[in-house]
Amino acid sequence: MSDKFSRLIFEYGFDDRDEYETPLRGYRSHVWVELIDGSKHRVTFFDTIRLQQELQQEMANGRGFFAEPGLIVLNEVTREAMEAAARTLANEGFFDGAV
């Protein structure tokens, strides 16, 4: 199987500070997965702890759910983990036909 994944595009960049702070925050938004065919797909990464916090906050506000476009849940939100998940999903066809 050929690799469909090209790269992650961080809308506001990804520097050393982001490398340090992203795992501490437990999420990263404003990310696009670019495939070899040039298509781009918006994703948001969360770790399980941050996801639970967000869901609890939504429930406290009377909303019984939490949703984010292109949500991908990781054990830890690092650049390496984001790239690995995006590559795997791309090669499994996750983004095929996605708008």
C-alpha atoms as a PDB file:
ATOM      1  CA  MET A   1       0.000   0.000   0.000  1.00  0.00           C
ATOM      2  CA  SER A   2       1.371   3.406  -0.920  1.00  0.00           C
ATOM      3  CA  ASP A   3       1.526   6.197   1.625  1.00  0.00           C
ATOM      4  CA  LYS A   4      -1.393   8.638   1.172  1.00  0.00           C
ATOM      5  CA  PHE A   5      -0.209  11.001   3.935  1.00  0.00           C
ATOM      6  CA  SER A   6       1.837  14.049   2.984  1.00  0.00           C
ATOM      7  CA  ARG A   7       2.051  16.235   6.080  1.00  0.00           C
ATOM      8  CA  LEU A   8       0.283  18.054   8.890  1.00  0.00           C
ATOM      9  CA  ILE A   9      -0.312  21.749   8.395  1.00  0.00           C
ATOM     10  CA  PHE A  10      -0.504  23.791  11.582  1.00  0.00           C
ATOM     11  CA  GLU A  11      -2.490  26.916  10.777  1.00  0.00           C
ATOM     12  CA  TYR A  12      -0.495  29.008  13.228  1.00  0.00           C
ATOM     13  CA  GLY A  13       2.786  27.116  12.956  1.00  0.00           C
ATOM     14  CA  PHE A  14       4.381  24.653  15.340  1.00  0.00           C
ATOM     15  CA  ASP A  15       7.541  25.781  17.097  1.00  0.00           C
ATOM     16  CA  ASP A  16       9.556  24.644  20.127  1.00  0.00           C
ATOM     17  CA  ARG A  17       7.081  26.300  22.468  1.00  0.00           C
ATOM     18  CA  ASP A  18       4.198  24.414  20.840  1.00  0.00           C
ATOM     19  CA  GLU A  19       6.230  21.220  21.118  1.00  0.00           C
ATOM     20  CA  TYR A  20       6.408  21.777  24.881  1.00  0.00           C
ATOM     21  CA  GLU A  21       2.928  23.197  25.546  1.00  0.00           C
ATOM     22  CA  THR A  22       0.720  21.025  23.335  1.00  0.00           C
ATOM     23  CA  PRO A  23       0.988  17.850  25.469  1.00  0.00           C
ATOM     24  CA  LEU A  24       0.329  19.937  28.588  1.00  0.00           C
ATOM     25  CA  ARG A  25      -2.846  21.412  27.085  1.00  0.00           C
ATOM     26  CA  GLY A  26      -4.030  18.024  25.901  1.00  0.00           C
ATOM     27  CA  TYR A  27      -5.354  19.285  22.591  1.00  0.00           C
ATOM     28  CA  ARG A  28      -4.355  20.899  19.322  1.00  0.00           C
ATOM     29  CA  SER A  29      -6.794  22.533  16.942  1.00  0.00           C
ATOM     30  CA  HIS A  30      -6.367  24.421  13.660  1.00  0.00           C
ATOM     31  CA  VAL A  31      -4.599  21.464  12.080  1.00  0.00           C
ATOM     32  CA  TRP A  32      -5.021  20.149   8.551  1.00  0.00           C
ATOM     33  CA  VAL A  33      -4.029  16.736   7.228  1.00  0.00           C
ATOM     34  CA  GLU A  34      -2.667  17.078   3.703  1.00  0.00           C
ATOM     35  CA  LEU A  35      -2.712  13.974   1.552  1.00  0.00           C
ATOM     36  CA  ILE A  36      -0.433  13.144  -1.380  1.00  0.00           C
ATOM     37  CA  ASP A  37      -3.267  14.045  -3.785  1.00  0.00           C
ATOM     38  CA  GLY A  38      -3.236  17.611  -2.379  1.00  0.00           C
ATOM     39  CA  SER A  39      -6.536  17.330  -0.516  1.00  0.00           C
ATOM     40  CA  LYS A  40      -6.673  18.839   2.973  1.00  0.00           C
ATOM     41  CA  HIS A  41      -8.825  17.734   5.899  1.00  0.00           C
ATOM     42  CA  ARG A  42      -9.378  19.697   9.103  1.00  0.00           C
ATOM     43  CA  VAL A  43      -8.713  17.770  12.302  1.00  0.00           C
ATOM     44  CA  THR A  44      -8.548  18.437  16.022  1.00  0.00           C
ATOM     45  CA  PHE A  45      -6.508  16.305  18.410  1.00  0.00           C
ATOM     46  CA  PHE A  46      -7.426  15.653  22.061  1.00  0.00           C
ATOM     47  CA  ASP A  47      -6.005  13.409  24.719  1.00  0.00           C
ATOM     48  CA  THR A  48      -8.407  11.373  26.849  1.00  0.00           C
ATOM     49  CA  ILE A  49      -8.041  13.552  29.947  1.00  0.00           C
ATOM     50  CA  ARG A  50      -8.809  16.788  28.091  1.00  0.00           C
ATOM     51  CA  LEU A  51     -11.685  15.113  26.260  1.00  0.00           C
ATOM     52  CA  GLN A  52     -13.207  14.065  29.579  1.00  0.00           C
ATOM     53  CA  GLN A  53     -12.787  17.612  30.947  1.00  0.00           C
ATOM     54  CA  GLU A  54     -14.498  19.102  27.888  1.00  0.00           C
ATOM     55  CA  LEU A  55     -17.391  16.655  28.117  1.00  0.00           C
ATOM     56  CA  GLN A  56     -17.849  17.368  31.828  1.00  0.00           C
ATOM     57  CA  GLN A  57     -17.879  21.116  31.124  1.00  0.00           C
ATOM     58  CA  GLU A  58     -20.475  20.701  28.387  1.00  0.00           C
ATOM     59  CA  MET A  59     -22.650  18.592  30.676  1.00  0.00           C
ATOM     60  CA  ALA A  60     -22.335  21.192  33.457  1.00  0.00           C
ATOM     61  CA  ASN A  61     -23.578  23.749  30.928  1.00  0.00           C
ATOM     62  CA  GLY A  62     -26.612  21.595  30.141  1.00  0.00           C
ATOM     63  CA  ARG A  63     -25.311  20.187  26.885  1.00  0.00           C
ATOM     64  CA  GLY A  64     -25.123  16.394  26.884  1.00  0.00           C
ATOM     65  CA  PHE A  65     -22.369  16.017  24.301  1.00  0.00           C
ATOM     66  CA  PHE A  66     -19.058  17.339  22.992  1.00  0.00           C
ATOM     67  CA  ALA A  67     -18.107  17.578  19.326  1.00  0.00           C
ATOM     68  CA  GLU A  68     -15.209  18.961  17.310  1.00  0.00           C
ATOM     69  CA  PRO A  69     -14.686  18.764  13.541  1.00  0.00           C
ATOM     70  CA  GLY A  70     -12.408  15.878  12.628  1.00  0.00           C
ATOM     71  CA  LEU A  71     -11.875  14.813  16.239  1.00  0.00           C
ATOM     72  CA  ILE A  72      -8.963  12.410  16.748  1.00  0.00           C
ATOM     73  CA  VAL A  73      -8.296  11.164  20.292  1.00  0.00           C
ATOM     74  CA  LEU A  74      -4.736  10.280  21.274  1.00  0.00           C
ATOM     75  CA  ASN A  75      -3.097   8.966  24.413  1.00  0.00           C
ATOM     76  CA  GLU A  76      -0.826  12.039  24.379  1.00  0.00           C
ATOM     77  CA  VAL A  77      -0.957  14.996  21.997  1.00  0.00           C
ATOM     78  CA  THR A  78       2.560  15.259  20.625  1.00  0.00           C
ATOM     79  CA  ARG A  79       3.653  16.093  17.097  1.00  0.00           C
ATOM     80  CA  GLU A  80       4.860  12.519  16.603  1.00  0.00           C
ATOM     81  CA  ALA A  81       1.563  11.035  17.825  1.00  0.00           C
ATOM     82  CA  MET A  82      -0.475  13.425  15.667  1.00  0.00           C
ATOM     83  CA  GLU A  83       1.559  12.557  12.568  1.00  0.00           C
ATOM     84  CA  ALA A  84       1.403   8.821  13.272  1.00  0.00           C
ATOM     85  CA  ALA A  85      -2.381   8.902  13.730  1.00  0.00           C
ATOM     86  CA  ALA A  86      -2.911  11.042  10.620  1.00  0.00           C
ATOM     87  CA  ARG A  87      -0.676   8.771   8.527  1.00  0.00           C
ATOM     88  CA  THR A  88      -2.437   5.616   9.737  1.00  0.00           C
ATOM     89  CA  LEU A  89      -5.899   7.081   9.182  1.00  0.00           C
ATOM     90  CA  ALA A  90      -4.954   8.365   5.724  1.00  0.00           C
ATOM     91  CA  ASN A  91      -3.578   4.969   4.690  1.00  0.00           C
ATOM     92  CA  GLU A  92      -6.675   3.212   6.043  1.00  0.00           C
ATOM     93  CA  GLY A  93      -8.888   5.443   3.860  1.00  0.00           C
ATOM     94  CA  PHE A  94     -10.361   7.505   6.707  1.00  0.00           C
ATOM     95  CA  PHE A  95     -10.211  10.711   4.664  1.00  0.00           C
ATOM     96  CA  ASP A  96     -11.398   9.167   1.383  1.00  0.00           C
ATOM     97  CA  GLY A  97     -14.469  11.004   0.222  1.00  0.00           C
ATOM     98  CA  ALA A  98     -14.397  13.362   3.193  1.00  0.00           C
ATOM     99  CA  VAL A  99     -15.315  16.946   2.535  1.00  0.00           C
END
